[in-house]
């Protein structure tokens, strides 16, 4: 099974996603460091996240 991944909307780097990822999952782009949120599973799609509480996680 292929690893799930989605393109960063900022720099277009492919961002690896956990196999058990769910909508709303938060990730950081390894290319540009942008904070992103998984907004769709099929197909995997990322968008900019509002992470005011990011430092609390």
Protein backbone atom coordinates (compact mmCIF):
# COMPACT_ATOMS: atom_id res chain seq x y z
CA UNK A 1 0.00 0.00 0.00
CA UNK A 2 1.34 3.43 -0.94
CA UNK A 3 1.97 6.06 1.70
CA UNK A 4 -0.73 8.72 1.80
CA UNK A 5 0.54 12.18 0.98
CA UNK A 6 -0.73 15.54 -0.19
CA UNK A 7 0.82 18.66 -1.72
CA UNK A 8 1.53 21.69 0.40
CA UNK A 9 -0.54 24.65 -0.89
CA UNK A 10 2.36 27.01 -0.11
CA UNK A 11 5.42 25.34 -1.69
CA UNK A 12 3.96 22.26 -3.43
CA UNK A 13 6.19 19.86 -1.47
CA UNK A 14 4.66 16.41 -1.00
CA UNK A 15 3.75 16.08 2.68
CA UNK A 16 3.59 12.54 4.10
CA UNK A 17 0.47 11.80 6.12
CA UNK A 18 -0.14 9.15 8.78
CA UNK A 19 -1.82 6.00 7.42
CA UNK A 20 -4.65 6.51 9.90
CA UNK A 21 -5.04 10.24 9.17
CA UNK A 22 -8.48 11.76 9.54
CA UNK A 23 -9.97 15.02 8.31
CA UNK A 24 -8.80 17.79 10.60
CA UNK A 25 -5.40 16.16 11.15
CA UNK A 26 -2.68 18.79 11.56
CA UNK A 27 0.74 18.50 9.96
CA UNK A 28 3.74 20.71 9.26
CA UNK A 29 5.19 20.88 5.74
CA UNK A 30 8.77 19.56 5.72
CA UNK A 31 9.62 21.91 2.83
CA UNK A 32 8.52 25.31 4.10
CA UNK A 33 7.35 24.73 7.67
CA UNK A 34 3.79 25.90 6.94
CA UNK A 35 1.18 24.66 9.41
CA UNK A 36 -1.46 22.68 7.50
CA UNK A 37 -4.70 20.82 8.06
CA UNK A 38 -6.01 17.79 6.19
CA UNK A 39 -9.33 18.95 4.76
CA UNK A 40 -10.12 15.96 2.53
CA UNK A 41 -9.18 12.27 2.64
CA UNK A 42 -10.11 11.18 -0.92
CA UNK A 43 -8.13 12.60 -2.53
CA UNK A 44 -5.85 13.82 0.27
CA UNK A 45 -5.88 17.63 0.32
CA UNK A 46 -4.20 20.11 2.64
CA UNK A 47 -5.08 23.72 3.41
CA UNK A 48 -3.63 26.38 5.67
CA UNK A 49 -4.43 25.74 9.34
CA UNK A 50 -5.44 28.22 12.00
CA UNK A 51 -3.09 27.02 14.71
CA UNK A 52 -3.33 29.58 17.47
CA UNK A 53 -3.22 26.63 19.89
CA UNK A 54 -0.39 24.81 18.07
CA UNK A 55 2.12 25.39 20.86
CA UNK A 56 -0.23 23.64 23.31
CA UNK A 57 -0.08 20.33 21.42
